[in-house]
Amino acid sequence: MDTIKELREETGLSFAQIKKALEDAGGDKEKARVILAEFSAVQAEKKADRELGAGVIASYIHGTGTTGVLLHLGCETDFVAKNEEFKALAYDIAMHIAAMSPTSINNEDGLGEETALLKQPFVKDSSITVEERIAQAIQKFGENTKVIRFTRYTV
């Protein structure tokens, strides 16, 4: 039960999903994490074609005041867009952009995956990429979620 609670706090996924992953992994917490990540990716793929009709604009200004970010994170409904956890995700991604200086969302500029936002290790958990963090959110909220655009300013 403690393992289920711990994975629930880490992922925000349902007890049933976590319990099934632990059963499939034979009680191994690390294997269950891998199973949950794979499941999140599959769920994100299934919802990728859904239309985004809502979202939030998040901002982040670094403590020194010399770097700032505006981010548009899209979702399907205003119900999810108003959710505090969704707003926190947008803020965290904006903070990531300020720290890691990506130049594109998914390597549209051809400069390489190291400068593509979705391919970078997530600044708050380097064991996953930004893309994987968004896939977790898609599974949790049940809605397609995408970074629409961002702008990073520096002085």
Protein backbone atom coordinates (compact mmCIF):
# COMPACT_ATOMS: atom_id res chain seq x y z
CA MET A 1 0.00 0.00 0.00
CA ASP A 2 2.90 2.38 0.76
CA THR A 3 4.32 1.76 -2.71
CA ILE A 4 0.95 2.56 -4.30
CA LYS A 5 0.73 5.78 -2.29
CA GLU A 6 4.29 6.74 -3.24
CA LEU A 7 3.69 6.13 -6.96
CA ARG A 8 0.37 8.00 -6.73
CA GLU A 9 2.15 11.05 -5.27
CA GLU A 10 4.84 10.88 -7.98
CA THR A 11 2.55 10.36 -10.96
CA GLY A 12 -0.88 11.60 -9.95
CA LEU A 13 -2.39 8.54 -11.63
CA SER A 14 -5.30 6.54 -10.26
CA PHE A 15 -4.86 3.85 -7.62
CA ALA A 16 -6.29 1.28 -10.05
CA GLN A 17 -3.72 2.10 -12.76
CA ILE A 18 -0.86 1.98 -10.27
CA LYS A 19 -2.09 -1.24 -8.68
CA LYS A 20 -2.35 -2.92 -12.10
CA ALA A 21 1.16 -1.73 -13.05
CA LEU A 22 2.56 -3.10 -9.78
CA GLU A 23 0.79 -6.42 -10.35
CA ASP A 24 2.15 -6.61 -13.91
CA ALA A 25 5.63 -5.78 -12.57
CA GLY A 26 5.48 -8.44 -9.86
CA GLY A 27 5.63 -5.79 -7.14
CA ASP A 28 8.81 -4.16 -8.49
CA LYS A 29 8.41 -0.40 -8.13
CA GLU A 30 10.95 0.49 -10.86
CA LYS A 31 9.33 -1.87 -13.38
CA ALA A 32 5.94 -0.40 -12.47
CA ARG A 33 7.28 3.09 -13.23
CA VAL A 34 8.35 1.90 -16.68
CA ILE A 35 4.94 0.30 -17.29
CA LEU A 36 3.18 3.49 -16.21
CA ALA A 37 5.40 5.60 -18.49
CA GLU A 38 4.67 3.32 -21.45
CA PHE A 39 0.94 3.48 -20.69
CA SER A 40 1.10 7.29 -20.52
CA ALA A 41 2.77 7.41 -23.93
CA VAL A 42 0.09 5.17 -25.45
CA GLN A 43 -2.69 7.28 -23.95
CA ALA A 44 -1.07 10.48 -25.23
CA GLU A 45 -0.81 8.99 -28.74
CA LYS A 46 -4.52 8.07 -28.72
CA LYS A 47 -5.52 11.62 -27.78
CA ALA A 48 -3.07 13.45 -30.05
CA ASP A 49 -5.67 14.19 -32.76
CA ARG A 50 -8.20 15.77 -30.43
CA GLU A 51 -8.85 19.45 -30.99
CA LEU A 52 -7.42 21.91 -28.47
CA GLY A 53 -10.06 24.48 -27.60
CA ALA A 54 -8.70 25.89 -24.34
CA GLY A 55 -5.48 26.38 -22.43
CA VAL A 56 -3.49 28.83 -20.35
CA ILE A 57 -0.78 31.42 -20.79
CA ALA A 58 1.90 30.95 -18.15
CA SER A 59 4.72 33.31 -17.35
CA TYR A 60 7.97 32.87 -15.50
CA ILE A 61 10.46 35.58 -14.57
CA HIS A 62 13.79 34.35 -13.23
CA GLY A 63 14.77 35.75 -9.81
CA THR A 64 17.38 38.07 -11.26
CA GLY A 65 14.81 39.65 -13.57
CA THR A 66 16.99 39.12 -16.63
CA THR A 67 15.12 36.14 -18.13
CA GLY A 68 11.42 35.76 -18.73
CA VAL A 69 9.15 33.31 -20.54
CA LEU A 70 5.61 33.36 -21.89
CA LEU A 71 4.13 29.95 -22.69
CA HIS A 72 0.83 28.90 -24.27
CA LEU A 73 -0.12 25.40 -23.09
CA GLY A 74 -3.23 24.08 -24.82
CA CYS A 75 -5.83 21.57 -23.71
CA GLU A 76 -9.32 20.54 -24.82
CA THR A 77 -11.61 22.17 -22.26
CA ASP A 78 -11.63 25.15 -19.92
CA PHE A 79 -12.44 22.71 -17.11
CA VAL A 80 -8.88 21.34 -17.33
CA ALA A 81 -7.38 24.75 -18.15
CA LYS A 82 -8.74 26.10 -14.84
CA ASN A 83 -7.32 23.17 -12.85
CA GLU A 84 -4.55 24.28 -10.49
CA GLU A 85 -2.39 21.27 -11.38
CA PHE A 86 -2.63 22.12 -15.08
CA LYS A 87 -1.63 25.73 -14.32
CA ALA A 88 1.28 24.41 -12.24
CA LEU A 89 2.40 22.24 -15.17
CA ALA A 90 2.38 25.27 -17.46
CA TYR A 91 4.41 27.26 -14.92
CA ASP A 92 6.92 24.39 -14.55
CA ILE A 93 7.36 24.17 -18.31
CA ALA A 94 7.85 27.95 -18.49
CA MET A 95 10.49 27.66 -15.76
CA HIS A 96 12.13 24.85 -17.73
CA ILE A 97 12.27 27.07 -20.81
CA ALA A 98 13.93 29.85 -18.81
CA ALA A 99 16.55 27.44 -17.44
CA MET A 100 17.26 25.29 -20.52
CA SER A 101 16.90 27.80 -23.42
CA PRO A 102 15.16 25.62 -26.01
CA THR A 103 14.90 27.16 -29.48
CA SER A 104 11.89 25.18 -30.76
CA ILE A 105 9.11 22.94 -29.54
CA ASN A 106 10.04 19.77 -31.45
CA ASN A 107 13.14 20.63 -33.52
CA GLU A 108 11.22 22.61 -36.14
CA ASP A 109 14.26 24.85 -36.58
CA GLY A 110 16.53 21.89 -37.39
CA LEU A 111 19.11 22.79 -34.73
CA GLY A 112 18.94 19.37 -33.09
CA GLU A 113 17.03 17.59 -30.38
CA GLU A 114 19.18 19.09 -27.61
CA THR A 115 17.54 22.47 -28.32
CA ALA A 116 14.03 21.03 -28.83
CA LEU A 117 11.84 21.65 -25.77
CA LEU A 118 9.98 18.32 -25.88
CA LYS A 119 13.19 16.27 -26.14
CA GLN A 120 15.05 17.94 -23.25
CA PRO A 121 15.29 16.29 -19.81
CA PHE A 122 12.66 17.97 -17.64
CA VAL A 123 14.33 20.43 -15.28
CA LYS A 124 12.29 19.29 -12.24
CA ASP A 125 12.85 15.55 -12.93
CA SER A 126 15.74 14.75 -15.24
CA SER A 127 14.72 11.08 -15.45
CA ILE A 128 11.97 12.08 -17.92
CA THR A 129 11.73 14.44 -20.88
CA VAL A 130 9.33 17.36 -21.16
CA GLU A 131 7.41 15.27 -23.69
CA GLU A 132 7.06 12.43 -21.17
CA ARG A 133 5.91 14.90 -18.49
CA ILE A 134 3.21 16.16 -20.84
CA ALA A 135 2.21 12.53 -21.59
CA GLN A 136 1.75 12.00 -17.85
CA ALA A 137 -0.51 15.05 -17.74
CA ILE A 138 -2.54 13.75 -20.68
CA GLN A 139 -3.12 10.50 -18.84
CA LYS A 140 -3.99 12.27 -15.62
CA PHE A 141 -6.36 14.88 -17.08
CA GLY A 142 -7.74 12.68 -19.87
CA GLU A 143 -7.28 15.43 -22.45
CA ASN A 144 -4.89 16.20 -25.25
CA THR A 145 -2.31 18.71 -24.04
CA LYS A 146 0.31 20.46 -26.15
CA VAL A 147 2.78 23.31 -25.99
CA ILE A 148 1.37 25.68 -28.61
CA ARG A 149 4.14 28.30 -28.53
CA PHE A 150 6.60 29.99 -26.23
CA THR A 151 8.81 33.05 -26.17
CA ARG A 152 11.93 33.41 -24.05
CA TYR A 153 13.27 36.88 -23.33
CA THR A 154 16.70 37.70 -21.94
CA VAL A 155 18.51 40.90 -21.11
